[in-house]
Amino acid sequence: MKNRFDLIIFDWDGTLINSIDWIANCLQNAAIHCGLDMPDRQAAKDVIGLSIKKAMQALFPDADNKILEQLVAHYSQAYHSKKISKEDLFPGVYDMLVKLNKDGFQLAVATGKNRAGLQQALQATGTEELFCATRCADETASKPDPRMLNELIEHAKVPKDRTLMVGDSIHDLQMAVNAHISFIAVSCGAHSEDFLQQYRPLLCLQQPTQLLAHLR
């Protein structure tokens, strides 16, 4: 894939940062706080990547708007109770991003997080300056709608055939399919390699840092 791409768009949770178990735990705890049946671990992981409201609607389809608001509030309070740092990135990810920048790639983030959450995470991990642009679910359409990818591509002024998406969930891969761009899966996050391979990614990597060997 050398010289094939100019723009690499990463998902955040489960792709660059090791946060899936914590998110799933917070989703489960929100259910308990609201007196609802706790979703099992994989069910919680399955909705990661969607906007938080869509995630709660998927997990609790019978919940009314009041309960959904309570679920989101409990989740947010629990999630932000844990401070993150550069050490929460998957091993080698920070150095990989720096190297990709030096090699001339434009880097971006497309995430189901809200803007406040992503900004806090970028600053805590020291990665904000490594990305030319980022898009969050509360300022555009939630995955798997391709809108956030299209906005990032337009911002970077890069053709779609020179753009690569990297993600750990089926929502990331379906978004890339919907945007008609190439994509690579990583199996270190929400979904297993077998599940991700159904979308026929260019590659399915165990860790995001393995991407370097295929781009250089």
N, C-alpha and C. Protein backbone atom coordinates (compact mmCIF):
# COMPACT_ATOMS: atom_id res chain seq x y z
N MET A 1 0.82 -1.21 0.00
CA MET A 1 0.00 0.00 0.00
C MET A 1 0.85 1.27 0.00
N LYS A 2 2.14 1.13 -0.20
CA LYS A 2 3.03 2.28 -0.19
C LYS A 2 2.61 3.29 -1.26
N ASN A 3 2.56 4.56 -0.87
CA ASN A 3 2.22 5.67 -1.77
C ASN A 3 0.78 5.63 -2.29
N ARG A 4 -0.07 4.84 -1.64
CA ARG A 4 -1.45 4.73 -2.10
C ARG A 4 -2.37 5.76 -1.45
N PHE A 5 -2.02 6.21 -0.22
CA PHE A 5 -2.92 7.08 0.53
C PHE A 5 -2.22 8.37 0.97
N ASP A 6 -3.01 9.43 1.07
CA ASP A 6 -2.53 10.72 1.57
C ASP A 6 -3.18 11.10 2.90
N LEU A 7 -4.41 10.63 3.11
CA LEU A 7 -5.17 10.95 4.32
C LEU A 7 -5.53 9.65 5.03
N ILE A 8 -5.20 9.58 6.33
CA ILE A 8 -5.58 8.43 7.14
C ILE A 8 -6.51 8.92 8.24
N ILE A 9 -7.71 8.37 8.27
CA ILE A 9 -8.71 8.75 9.26
C ILE A 9 -8.85 7.62 10.27
N PHE A 10 -8.59 7.93 11.52
CA PHE A 10 -8.66 6.93 12.59
C PHE A 10 -9.93 7.10 13.41
N ASP A 11 -10.50 5.98 13.80
CA ASP A 11 -11.42 5.99 14.93
C ASP A 11 -10.58 6.24 16.17
N TRP A 12 -11.22 6.60 17.27
CA TRP A 12 -10.47 6.87 18.51
C TRP A 12 -10.52 5.70 19.49
N ASP A 13 -11.68 5.48 20.12
CA ASP A 13 -11.79 4.44 21.14
C ASP A 13 -11.64 3.05 20.55
N GLY A 14 -10.71 2.27 21.10
CA GLY A 14 -10.50 0.91 20.64
C GLY A 14 -9.59 0.79 19.43
N THR A 15 -9.28 1.93 18.82
CA THR A 15 -8.38 1.94 17.66
C THR A 15 -7.04 2.57 18.02
N LEU A 16 -7.08 3.74 18.63
CA LEU A 16 -5.85 4.40 19.07
C LEU A 16 -5.66 4.31 20.58
N ILE A 17 -6.75 4.23 21.30
CA ILE A 17 -6.67 4.24 22.77
C ILE A 17 -7.39 3.02 23.35
N ASN A 18 -6.81 2.46 24.40
CA ASN A 18 -7.31 1.22 25.00
C ASN A 18 -8.42 1.54 26.00
N SER A 19 -9.61 1.78 25.49
CA SER A 19 -10.71 2.28 26.33
C SER A 19 -11.98 1.45 26.26
N ILE A 20 -12.00 0.39 25.48
CA ILE A 20 -13.25 -0.34 25.24
C ILE A 20 -13.81 -0.95 26.51
N ASP A 21 -12.98 -1.59 27.33
CA ASP A 21 -13.48 -2.21 28.55
C ASP A 21 -14.06 -1.17 29.51
N TRP A 22 -13.41 0.00 29.59
CA TRP A 22 -13.91 1.05 30.47
C TRP A 22 -15.26 1.57 29.98
N ILE A 23 -15.40 1.78 28.67
CA ILE A 23 -16.67 2.26 28.12
C ILE A 23 -17.78 1.24 28.37
N ALA A 24 -17.48 -0.04 28.12
CA ALA A 24 -18.48 -1.09 28.34
C ALA A 24 -18.91 -1.12 29.81
N ASN A 25 -17.95 -0.98 30.71
CA ASN A 25 -18.24 -0.97 32.14
C ASN A 25 -19.15 0.21 32.49
N CYS A 26 -18.89 1.37 31.93
CA CYS A 26 -19.71 2.56 32.21
C CYS A 26 -21.12 2.41 31.65
N LEU A 27 -21.24 1.79 30.48
CA LEU A 27 -22.57 1.53 29.91
C LEU A 27 -23.36 0.57 30.81
N GLN A 28 -22.71 -0.46 31.30
CA GLN A 28 -23.38 -1.42 32.18
C GLN A 28 -23.80 -0.75 33.49
N ASN A 29 -22.92 0.06 34.05
CA ASN A 29 -23.24 0.74 35.31
C ASN A 29 -24.38 1.73 35.16
N ALA A 30 -24.46 2.38 33.99
CA ALA A 30 -25.56 3.32 33.75
C ALA A 30 -26.90 2.59 33.80
N ALA A 31 -26.94 1.39 33.24
CA ALA A 31 -28.17 0.59 33.26
C ALA A 31 -28.58 0.26 34.70
N ILE A 32 -27.61 -0.14 35.51
CA ILE A 32 -27.90 -0.48 36.90
C ILE A 32 -28.43 0.73 37.65
N HIS A 33 -27.81 1.88 37.45
CA HIS A 33 -28.24 3.11 38.13
C HIS A 33 -29.67 3.48 37.76
N CYS A 34 -30.08 3.15 36.54
CA CYS A 34 -31.43 3.50 36.08
C CYS A 34 -32.44 2.38 36.28
N GLY A 35 -32.03 1.32 36.97
CA GLY A 35 -32.94 0.23 37.28
C GLY A 35 -33.29 -0.65 36.10
N LEU A 36 -32.41 -0.70 35.11
CA LEU A 36 -32.65 -1.51 33.91
C LEU A 36 -31.76 -2.76 33.95
N ASP A 37 -32.15 -3.75 33.15
CA ASP A 37 -31.33 -4.95 33.06
C ASP A 37 -29.97 -4.60 32.47
N MET A 38 -28.92 -5.08 33.10
CA MET A 38 -27.58 -4.78 32.63
C MET A 38 -27.28 -5.55 31.35
N PRO A 39 -26.85 -4.87 30.27
CA PRO A 39 -26.50 -5.59 29.05
C PRO A 39 -25.23 -6.41 29.28
N ASP A 40 -25.09 -7.52 28.56
CA ASP A 40 -23.86 -8.29 28.72
C ASP A 40 -22.70 -7.54 28.08
N ARG A 41 -21.51 -8.04 28.32
CA ARG A 41 -20.29 -7.32 27.93
C ARG A 41 -20.23 -7.08 26.43
N GLN A 42 -20.53 -8.11 25.62
CA GLN A 42 -20.41 -7.93 24.18
C GLN A 42 -21.49 -7.01 23.64
N ALA A 43 -22.68 -7.08 24.22
CA ALA A 43 -23.75 -6.18 23.79
C ALA A 43 -23.34 -4.73 24.02
N ALA A 44 -22.68 -4.47 25.14
CA ALA A 44 -22.19 -3.11 25.42
C ALA A 44 -21.11 -2.71 24.42
N LYS A 45 -20.22 -3.63 24.12
CA LYS A 45 -19.15 -3.33 23.16
C LYS A 45 -19.71 -3.10 21.76
N ASP A 46 -20.80 -3.79 21.44
CA ASP A 46 -21.35 -3.71 20.09
C ASP A 46 -21.83 -2.31 19.71
N VAL A 47 -22.17 -1.49 20.70
CA VAL A 47 -22.70 -0.15 20.39
C VAL A 47 -21.63 0.93 20.45
N ILE A 48 -20.42 0.57 20.86
CA ILE A 48 -19.34 1.55 20.94
C ILE A 48 -18.97 2.01 19.54
N GLY A 49 -18.91 3.30 19.36
CA GLY A 49 -18.68 3.89 18.05
C GLY A 49 -19.87 4.71 17.59
N LEU A 50 -21.05 4.33 18.06
CA LEU A 50 -22.24 5.15 17.82
C LEU A 50 -22.21 6.36 18.73
N SER A 51 -23.00 7.38 18.41
CA SER A 51 -23.15 8.48 19.37
C SER A 51 -23.74 7.89 20.64
N ILE A 52 -23.50 8.53 21.79
CA ILE A 52 -23.95 7.95 23.05
C ILE A 52 -25.47 7.79 23.09
N LYS A 53 -26.21 8.72 22.50
CA LYS A 53 -27.66 8.58 22.50
C LYS A 53 -28.10 7.39 21.65
N LYS A 54 -27.51 7.24 20.48
CA LYS A 54 -27.85 6.10 19.62
C LYS A 54 -27.43 4.79 20.28
N ALA A 55 -26.32 4.81 20.99
CA ALA A 55 -25.86 3.61 21.69
C ALA A 55 -26.88 3.19 22.75
N MET A 56 -27.36 4.16 23.51
CA MET A 56 -28.36 3.85 24.55
C MET A 56 -29.67 3.39 23.93
N GLN A 57 -30.06 4.00 22.82
CA GLN A 57 -31.30 3.57 22.14
C GLN A 57 -31.18 2.14 21.64
N ALA A 58 -29.98 1.78 21.17
CA ALA A 58 -29.77 0.42 20.68
C ALA A 58 -29.79 -0.60 21.82
N LEU A 59 -29.20 -0.22 22.95
CA LEU A 59 -29.16 -1.13 24.10
C LEU A 59 -30.51 -1.24 24.80
N PHE A 60 -31.26 -0.13 24.82
CA PHE A 60 -32.52 -0.07 25.56
C PHE A 60 -33.62 0.49 24.66
N PRO A 61 -34.07 -0.28 23.69
CA PRO A 61 -35.03 0.22 22.69
C PRO A 61 -36.39 0.62 23.27
N ASP A 62 -36.72 0.14 24.47
CA ASP A 62 -38.01 0.48 25.07
C ASP A 62 -37.94 1.68 26.00
N ALA A 63 -36.76 2.23 26.19
CA ALA A 63 -36.59 3.36 27.11
C ALA A 63 -37.17 4.64 26.51
N ASP A 64 -37.88 5.42 27.33
CA ASP A 64 -38.41 6.69 26.84
C ASP A 64 -37.32 7.76 26.92
N ASN A 65 -37.63 8.96 26.45
CA ASN A 65 -36.63 10.02 26.39
C ASN A 65 -36.07 10.38 27.77
N LYS A 66 -36.92 10.35 28.80
CA LYS A 66 -36.47 10.68 30.14
C LYS A 66 -35.42 9.68 30.62
N ILE A 67 -35.71 8.40 30.42
CA ILE A 67 -34.77 7.36 30.84
C ILE A 67 -33.49 7.44 30.01
N LEU A 68 -33.63 7.72 28.72
CA LEU A 68 -32.44 7.85 27.88
C LEU A 68 -31.54 8.98 28.36
N GLU A 69 -32.15 10.10 28.75
CA GLU A 69 -31.38 11.23 29.27
C GLU A 69 -30.66 10.83 30.56
N GLN A 70 -31.34 10.07 31.41
CA GLN A 70 -30.71 9.62 32.66
C GLN A 70 -29.56 8.66 32.37
N LEU A 71 -29.75 7.77 31.42
CA LEU A 71 -28.69 6.83 31.04
C LEU A 71 -27.46 7.56 30.54
N VAL A 72 -27.68 8.53 29.67
CA VAL A 72 -26.57 9.31 29.12
C VAL A 72 -25.85 10.06 30.23
N ALA A 73 -26.61 10.66 31.15
CA ALA A 73 -26.01 11.42 32.24
C ALA A 73 -25.18 10.53 33.16
N HIS A 74 -25.72 9.36 33.52
CA HIS A 74 -24.97 8.44 34.38
C HIS A 74 -23.72 7.93 33.67
N TYR A 75 -23.86 7.62 32.39
CA TYR A 75 -22.70 7.16 31.63
C TYR A 75 -21.61 8.22 31.61
N SER A 76 -21.98 9.43 31.28
CA SER A 76 -21.00 10.52 31.16
C SER A 76 -20.29 10.77 32.48
N GLN A 77 -21.05 10.76 33.58
CA GLN A 77 -20.46 11.00 34.90
C GLN A 77 -19.44 9.91 35.22
N ALA A 78 -19.82 8.66 34.94
CA ALA A 78 -18.92 7.54 35.23
C ALA A 78 -17.68 7.57 34.33
N TYR A 79 -17.90 7.82 33.04
CA TYR A 79 -16.79 7.80 32.10
C TYR A 79 -15.74 8.86 32.44
N HIS A 80 -16.19 10.04 32.76
CA HIS A 80 -15.26 11.15 33.02
C HIS A 80 -14.66 11.11 34.43
N SER A 81 -15.06 10.12 35.23
CA SER A 81 -14.46 9.98 36.56
C SER A 81 -13.05 9.42 36.48
N LYS A 82 -12.69 8.87 35.35
CA LYS A 82 -11.36 8.31 35.16
C LYS A 82 -10.52 9.26 34.32
N LYS A 83 -9.39 9.68 34.84
CA LYS A 83 -8.50 10.54 34.09
C LYS A 83 -7.61 9.69 33.18
N ILE A 84 -7.44 10.13 31.96
CA ILE A 84 -6.60 9.39 31.03
C ILE A 84 -5.32 10.17 30.76
N SER A 85 -4.36 9.47 30.18
CA SER A 85 -3.08 10.09 29.85
C SER A 85 -2.54 9.41 28.59
N LYS A 86 -1.37 9.82 28.18
CA LYS A 86 -0.72 9.23 27.01
C LYS A 86 -0.52 7.73 27.19
N GLU A 87 -0.40 7.28 28.45
CA GLU A 87 -0.19 5.86 28.73
C GLU A 87 -1.41 5.01 28.36
N ASP A 88 -2.56 5.63 28.18
CA ASP A 88 -3.76 4.88 27.80
C ASP A 88 -3.82 4.58 26.30
N LEU A 89 -3.01 5.25 25.51
CA LEU A 89 -2.91 4.89 24.10
C LEU A 89 -2.35 3.48 23.99
N PHE A 90 -2.73 2.76 22.94
CA PHE A 90 -2.13 1.45 22.72
C PHE A 90 -0.62 1.62 22.56
N PRO A 91 0.17 0.64 22.98
CA PRO A 91 1.63 0.76 22.90
C PRO A 91 2.12 1.15 21.51
N GLY A 92 2.94 2.18 21.46
CA GLY A 92 3.54 2.61 20.21
C GLY A 92 2.69 3.53 19.36
N VAL A 93 1.46 3.80 19.76
CA VAL A 93 0.56 4.60 18.93
C VAL A 93 1.04 6.04 18.79
N TYR A 94 1.47 6.64 19.89
CA TYR A 94 1.92 8.03 19.80
C TYR A 94 3.08 8.17 18.81
N ASP A 95 4.06 7.30 18.94
CA ASP A 95 5.21 7.35 18.03
C ASP A 95 4.80 7.06 16.59
N MET A 96 3.82 6.18 16.40
CA MET A 96 3.32 5.91 15.06
C MET A 96 2.70 7.15 14.44
N LEU A 97 1.90 7.88 15.20
CA LEU A 97 1.26 9.09 14.69
C LEU A 97 2.29 10.15 14.33
N VAL A 98 3.30 10.29 15.17
CA VAL A 98 4.38 11.24 14.89
C VAL A 98 5.10 10.86 13.61
N LYS A 99 5.39 9.57 13.46
CA LYS A 99 6.09 9.09 12.26
C LYS A 99 5.26 9.31 11.01
N LEU A 100 3.97 9.01 11.07
CA LEU A 100 3.10 9.20 9.90
C LEU A 100 3.06 10.68 9.50
N ASN A 101 3.02 11.56 10.50
CA ASN A 101 3.07 12.99 10.21
C ASN A 101 4.36 13.36 9.50
N LYS A 102 5.46 12.88 10.01
CA LYS A 102 6.76 13.20 9.41
C LYS A 102 6.88 12.63 7.99
N ASP A 103 6.19 11.52 7.75
CA ASP A 103 6.22 10.91 6.43
C ASP A 103 5.29 11.61 5.43
N GLY A 104 4.56 12.63 5.89
CA GLY A 104 3.76 13.43 4.99
C GLY A 104 2.29 13.08 4.91
N PHE A 105 1.83 12.14 5.75
CA PHE A 105 0.40 11.81 5.76
C PHE A 105 -0.38 12.87 6.53
N GLN A 106 -1.57 13.19 6.04
CA GLN A 106 -2.52 13.95 6.84
C GLN A 106 -3.29 12.95 7.69
N LEU A 107 -3.48 13.29 8.97
CA LEU A 107 -4.17 12.40 9.90
C LEU A 107 -5.43 13.08 10.43
N ALA A 108 -6.47 12.29 10.64
CA ALA A 108 -7.73 12.82 11.15
C ALA A 108 -8.38 11.79 12.07
N VAL A 109 -9.39 12.24 12.82
CA VAL A 109 -10.14 11.36 13.72
C VAL A 109 -11.62 11.49 13.41
N ALA A 110 -12.29 10.34 13.32
CA ALA A 110 -13.75 10.28 13.18
C ALA A 110 -14.27 9.42 14.32
N THR A 111 -15.01 10.01 15.25
CA THR A 111 -15.36 9.31 16.47
C THR A 111 -16.82 9.48 16.87
N GLY A 112 -17.31 8.51 17.62
CA GLY A 112 -18.64 8.61 18.20
C GLY A 112 -18.67 9.43 19.48
N LYS A 113 -17.50 9.87 19.96
CA LYS A 113 -17.45 10.70 21.15
C LYS A 113 -18.05 12.07 20.85
N ASN A 114 -18.41 12.80 21.91
CA ASN A 114 -18.82 14.17 21.69
C ASN A 114 -17.58 15.06 21.68
N ARG A 115 -17.75 16.31 21.26
CA ARG A 115 -16.61 17.20 21.09
C ARG A 115 -15.86 17.43 22.41
N ALA A 116 -16.60 17.65 23.48
CA ALA A 116 -15.94 17.90 24.76
C ALA A 116 -15.10 16.69 25.18
N GLY A 117 -15.65 15.50 24.98
CA GLY A 117 -14.93 14.29 25.37
C GLY A 117 -13.68 14.07 24.54
N LEU A 118 -13.79 14.31 23.23
CA LEU A 118 -12.61 14.11 22.38
C LEU A 118 -11.54 15.15 22.69
N GLN A 119 -11.93 16.41 22.86
CA GLN A 119 -10.94 17.44 23.16
C GLN A 119 -10.19 17.13 24.45
N GLN A 120 -10.91 16.67 25.44
CA GLN A 120 -10.27 16.29 26.70
C GLN A 120 -9.28 15.16 26.47
N ALA A 121 -9.68 14.17 25.66
CA ALA A 121 -8.81 13.02 25.40
C ALA A 121 -7.58 13.41 24.58
N LEU A 122 -7.77 14.26 23.58
CA LEU A 122 -6.64 14.70 22.75
C LEU A 122 -5.62 15.46 23.59
N GLN A 123 -6.10 16.34 24.45
CA GLN A 123 -5.19 17.12 25.29
C GLN A 123 -4.49 16.25 26.33
N ALA A 124 -5.24 15.29 26.88
CA ALA A 124 -4.67 14.42 27.91
C ALA A 124 -3.59 13.50 27.36
N THR A 125 -3.73 13.14 26.08
CA THR A 125 -2.77 12.22 25.46
C THR A 125 -1.70 12.95 24.64
N GLY A 126 -1.80 14.27 24.56
CA GLY A 126 -0.81 15.04 23.83
C GLY A 126 -0.82 14.82 22.33
N THR A 127 -1.99 14.50 21.79
CA THR A 127 -2.08 14.16 20.36
C THR A 127 -2.81 15.20 19.52
N GLU A 128 -3.32 16.24 20.13
CA GLU A 128 -4.18 17.18 19.40
C GLU A 128 -3.50 17.76 18.17
N GLU A 129 -2.23 18.10 18.28
CA GLU A 129 -1.52 18.75 17.18
C GLU A 129 -1.14 17.78 16.05
N LEU A 130 -1.36 16.49 16.27
CA LEU A 130 -0.98 15.50 15.26
C LEU A 130 -2.06 15.30 14.20
N PHE A 131 -3.25 15.85 14.42
CA PHE A 131 -4.37 15.65 13.50
C PHE A 131 -4.73 16.96 12.80
N CYS A 132 -4.97 16.87 11.50
CA CYS A 132 -5.35 18.06 10.75
C CYS A 132 -6.80 18.43 10.97
N ALA A 133 -7.61 17.45 11.36
CA ALA A 133 -9.04 17.70 11.61
C ALA A 133 -9.63 16.54 12.39
N THR A 134 -10.72 16.80 13.09
CA THR A 134 -11.44 15.76 13.82
C THR A 134 -12.93 16.02 13.69
N ARG A 135 -13.72 14.95 13.76
CA ARG A 135 -15.18 15.08 13.73
C ARG A 135 -15.78 14.19 14.79
N CYS A 136 -16.80 14.72 15.48
CA CYS A 136 -17.46 14.02 16.57
C CYS A 136 -18.94 13.85 16.28
N ALA A 137 -19.54 12.89 16.98
CA ALA A 137 -20.93 12.54 16.68
C ALA A 137 -21.92 13.65 17.01
N ASP A 138 -21.57 14.56 17.94
CA ASP A 138 -22.52 15.60 18.31
C ASP A 138 -22.45 16.83 17.41
N GLU A 139 -21.57 16.82 16.42
CA GLU A 139 -21.47 17.95 15.51
C GLU A 139 -21.70 17.55 14.05
N THR A 140 -22.02 16.29 13.84
CA THR A 140 -22.32 15.77 12.50
C THR A 140 -23.15 14.52 12.68
N ALA A 141 -23.35 13.74 11.63
CA ALA A 141 -24.16 12.52 11.74
C ALA A 141 -23.36 11.41 12.41
N SER A 142 -24.06 10.59 13.20
CA SER A 142 -23.43 9.46 13.87
C SER A 142 -23.07 8.35 12.87
N LYS A 143 -22.05 7.60 13.18
CA LYS A 143 -21.74 6.41 12.41
C LYS A 143 -22.97 5.50 12.41
N PRO A 144 -23.20 4.74 11.35
CA PRO A 144 -22.37 4.54 10.16
C PRO A 144 -22.67 5.50 9.00
N ASP A 145 -23.41 6.56 9.26
CA ASP A 145 -23.59 7.59 8.23
C ASP A 145 -22.21 8.09 7.80
N PRO A 146 -21.95 8.27 6.51
CA PRO A 146 -20.61 8.67 6.05
C PRO A 146 -20.32 10.16 6.15
N ARG A 147 -21.23 10.92 6.69
CA ARG A 147 -21.08 12.38 6.67
C ARG A 147 -19.78 12.85 7.30
N MET A 148 -19.40 12.30 8.46
CA MET A 148 -18.18 12.80 9.10
C MET A 148 -16.94 12.49 8.27
N LEU A 149 -16.94 11.35 7.58
CA LEU A 149 -15.82 11.05 6.69
C LEU A 149 -15.79 12.02 5.52
N ASN A 150 -16.93 12.27 4.95
CA ASN A 150 -16.99 13.20 3.81
C ASN A 150 -16.52 14.60 4.21
N GLU A 151 -16.87 15.02 5.42
CA GLU A 151 -16.44 16.34 5.90
C GLU A 151 -14.93 16.39 6.10
N LEU A 152 -14.37 15.33 6.63
CA LEU A 152 -12.92 15.29 6.84
C LEU A 152 -12.17 15.25 5.51
N ILE A 153 -12.68 14.50 4.56
CA ILE A 153 -12.06 14.42 3.24
C ILE A 153 -12.10 15.78 2.55
N GLU A 154 -13.24 16.45 2.67
CA GLU A 154 -13.37 17.79 2.08
C GLU A 154 -12.40 18.77 2.74
N HIS A 155 -12.28 18.68 4.05
CA HIS A 155 -11.37 19.58 4.78
C HIS A 155 -9.92 19.36 4.33
N ALA A 156 -9.54 18.10 4.16
CA ALA A 156 -8.15 17.78 3.80
C ALA A 156 -7.87 17.99 2.31
N LYS A 157 -8.94 18.16 1.53
CA LYS A 157 -8.81 18.35 0.08
C LYS A 157 -8.02 17.18 -0.55
N VAL A 158 -8.45 15.98 -0.18
CA VAL A 158 -7.83 14.75 -0.68
C VAL A 158 -8.90 13.92 -1.38
N PRO A 159 -8.60 13.33 -2.52
CA PRO A 159 -9.59 12.48 -3.20
C PRO A 159 -9.95 11.26 -2.35
N LYS A 160 -11.13 10.74 -2.56
CA LYS A 160 -11.56 9.58 -1.79
C LYS A 160 -10.66 8.37 -2.03
N ASP A 161 -10.15 8.24 -3.25
CA ASP A 161 -9.32 7.07 -3.54
C ASP A 161 -7.92 7.19 -2.94
N ARG A 162 -7.64 8.34 -2.28
CA ARG A 162 -6.36 8.52 -1.58
C ARG A 162 -6.58 8.57 -0.06
N THR A 163 -7.77 8.12 0.37
CA THR A 163 -8.16 8.19 1.78
C THR A 163 -8.32 6.78 2.35
N LEU A 164 -7.84 6.60 3.58
CA LEU A 164 -7.93 5.32 4.29
C LEU A 164 -8.57 5.52 5.65
N MET A 165 -9.54 4.66 5.98
CA MET A 165 -10.15 4.64 7.32
C MET A 165 -9.58 3.48 8.10
N VAL A 166 -9.29 3.70 9.39
CA VAL A 166 -8.81 2.64 10.27
C VAL A 166 -9.72 2.59 11.49
N GLY A 167 -10.34 1.43 11.74
CA GLY A 167 -11.27 1.34 12.86
C GLY A 167 -11.38 -0.06 13.43
N ASP A 168 -11.97 -0.14 14.63
CA ASP A 168 -12.05 -1.41 15.36
C ASP A 168 -13.46 -1.98 15.44
N SER A 169 -14.45 -1.27 14.92
CA SER A 169 -15.83 -1.73 15.06
C SER A 169 -16.53 -1.82 13.71
N ILE A 170 -17.62 -2.56 13.70
CA ILE A 170 -18.39 -2.68 12.46
C ILE A 170 -18.98 -1.34 12.05
N HIS A 171 -19.19 -0.43 13.01
CA HIS A 171 -19.73 0.89 12.68
C HIS A 171 -18.70 1.70 11.89
N ASP A 172 -17.42 1.55 12.24
CA ASP A 172 -16.36 2.21 11.49
C ASP A 172 -16.29 1.68 10.07
N LEU A 173 -16.34 0.36 9.95
CA LEU A 173 -16.18 -0.26 8.63
C LEU A 173 -17.39 0.02 7.74
N GLN A 174 -18.59 -0.03 8.33
CA GLN A 174 -19.78 0.26 7.53
C GLN A 174 -19.79 1.72 7.10
N MET A 175 -19.31 2.61 7.94
CA MET A 175 -19.20 4.03 7.56
C MET A 175 -18.27 4.19 6.38
N ALA A 176 -17.14 3.48 6.40
CA ALA A 176 -16.20 3.55 5.27
C ALA A 176 -16.81 2.99 4.00
N VAL A 177 -17.54 1.90 4.13
CA VAL A 177 -18.25 1.33 2.97
C VAL A 177 -19.22 2.37 2.41
N ASN A 178 -19.98 3.01 3.30
CA ASN A 178 -20.97 4.00 2.87
C ASN A 178 -20.32 5.22 2.22
N ALA A 179 -19.08 5.52 2.64
CA ALA A 179 -18.37 6.67 2.07
C ALA A 179 -17.60 6.31 0.81
N HIS A 180 -17.54 5.01 0.50
CA HIS A 180 -16.82 4.51 -0.69
C HIS A 180 -15.33 4.83 -0.61
N ILE A 181 -14.75 4.54 0.57
CA ILE A 181 -13.30 4.68 0.72
C ILE A 181 -12.71 3.37 1.22
N SER A 182 -11.40 3.23 1.09
CA SER A 182 -10.71 2.03 1.56
C SER A 182 -10.64 2.04 3.09
N PHE A 183 -10.54 0.83 3.67
CA PHE A 183 -10.49 0.76 5.13
C PHE A 183 -9.72 -0.46 5.61
N ILE A 184 -9.14 -0.30 6.78
CA ILE A 184 -8.40 -1.35 7.48
C ILE A 184 -9.02 -1.53 8.85
N ALA A 185 -9.15 -2.77 9.29
CA ALA A 185 -9.70 -3.07 10.60
C ALA A 185 -8.58 -3.40 11.58
N VAL A 186 -8.82 -3.10 12.86
CA VAL A 186 -7.94 -3.54 13.92
C VAL A 186 -8.77 -4.31 14.94
N SER A 187 -8.25 -5.44 15.40
CA SER A 187 -9.03 -6.34 16.25
C SER A 187 -8.73 -6.17 17.73
N CYS A 188 -8.16 -5.02 18.12
CA CYS A 188 -7.80 -4.77 19.51
C CYS A 188 -8.90 -4.07 20.28
N GLY A 189 -10.06 -3.83 19.63
CA GLY A 189 -11.10 -3.04 20.26
C GLY A 189 -12.42 -3.76 20.46
N ALA A 190 -13.48 -3.22 19.85
CA ALA A 190 -14.83 -3.68 20.15
C ALA A 190 -15.18 -5.03 19.54
N HIS A 191 -14.66 -5.32 18.35
CA HIS A 191 -15.08 -6.52 17.64
C HIS A 191 -13.92 -7.41 17.23
N SER A 192 -14.20 -8.70 17.16
CA SER A 192 -13.18 -9.69 16.85
C SER A 192 -12.83 -9.69 15.36
N GLU A 193 -11.70 -10.30 15.04
CA GLU A 193 -11.27 -10.37 13.65
C GLU A 193 -12.31 -11.07 12.78
N ASP A 194 -12.89 -12.18 13.27
CA ASP A 194 -13.89 -12.90 12.49
C ASP A 194 -15.07 -12.01 12.14
N PHE A 195 -15.49 -11.21 13.09
CA PHE A 195 -16.63 -10.31 12.88
C PHE A 195 -16.27 -9.21 11.89
N LEU A 196 -15.08 -8.65 12.03
CA LEU A 196 -14.63 -7.56 11.17
C LEU A 196 -14.38 -8.02 9.74
N GLN A 197 -13.92 -9.25 9.58
CA GLN A 197 -13.59 -9.75 8.25
C GLN A 197 -14.82 -9.86 7.35
N GLN A 198 -16.01 -9.86 7.93
CA GLN A 198 -17.23 -9.90 7.12
C GLN A 198 -17.33 -8.68 6.19
N TYR A 199 -16.66 -7.61 6.56
CA TYR A 199 -16.72 -6.37 5.77
C TYR A 199 -15.60 -6.30 4.73
N ARG A 200 -14.77 -7.32 4.70
CA ARG A 200 -13.68 -7.43 3.73
C ARG A 200 -12.76 -6.21 3.72
N PRO A 201 -12.16 -5.91 4.86
CA PRO A 201 -11.19 -4.80 4.91
C PRO A 201 -9.94 -5.16 4.10
N LEU A 202 -9.16 -4.15 3.74
CA LEU A 202 -7.90 -4.41 3.06
C LEU A 202 -7.01 -5.30 3.91
N LEU A 203 -6.99 -5.03 5.21
CA LEU A 203 -6.23 -5.81 6.17
C LEU A 203 -7.00 -5.83 7.48
N CYS A 204 -6.74 -6.84 8.30
CA CYS A 204 -7.23 -6.83 9.67
C CYS A 204 -6.01 -7.04 10.57
N LEU A 205 -5.63 -5.98 11.26
CA LEU A 205 -4.42 -5.97 12.08
C LEU A 205 -4.77 -6.24 13.54
N GLN A 206 -3.83 -6.86 14.25
CA GLN A 206 -4.05 -7.09 15.68
C GLN A 206 -3.83 -5.82 16.49
N GLN A 207 -2.90 -4.98 16.04
CA GLN A 207 -2.59 -3.73 16.73
C GLN A 207 -2.45 -2.60 15.70
N PRO A 208 -2.84 -1.39 16.05
CA PRO A 208 -2.78 -0.29 15.08
C PRO A 208 -1.37 0.01 14.58
N THR A 209 -0.36 -0.21 15.41
CA THR A 209 1.01 0.11 15.02
C THR A 209 1.52 -0.76 13.87
N GLN A 210 0.86 -1.88 13.62
CA GLN A 210 1.24 -2.72 12.48
C GLN A 210 0.97 -2.02 11.15
N LEU A 211 0.19 -0.94 11.21
CA LEU A 211 -0.12 -0.18 10.00
C LEU A 211 1.14 0.37 9.36
N LEU A 212 2.12 0.77 10.16
CA LEU A 212 3.34 1.37 9.63
C LEU A 212 4.03 0.47 8.62
N ALA A 213 4.08 -0.81 8.88
CA ALA A 213 4.79 -1.73 7.99
C ALA A 213 4.15 -1.82 6.62
N HIS A 214 2.88 -1.50 6.53
CA HIS A 214 2.15 -1.61 5.28
C HIS A 214 2.11 -0.30 4.51
N LEU A 215 2.49 0.80 5.16
CA LEU A 215 2.44 2.11 4.52
C LEU A 215 3.82 2.61 4.11
N ARG A 216 4.86 2.03 4.66
CA ARG A 216 6.21 2.52 4.41
C ARG A 216 6.94 1.62 3.41
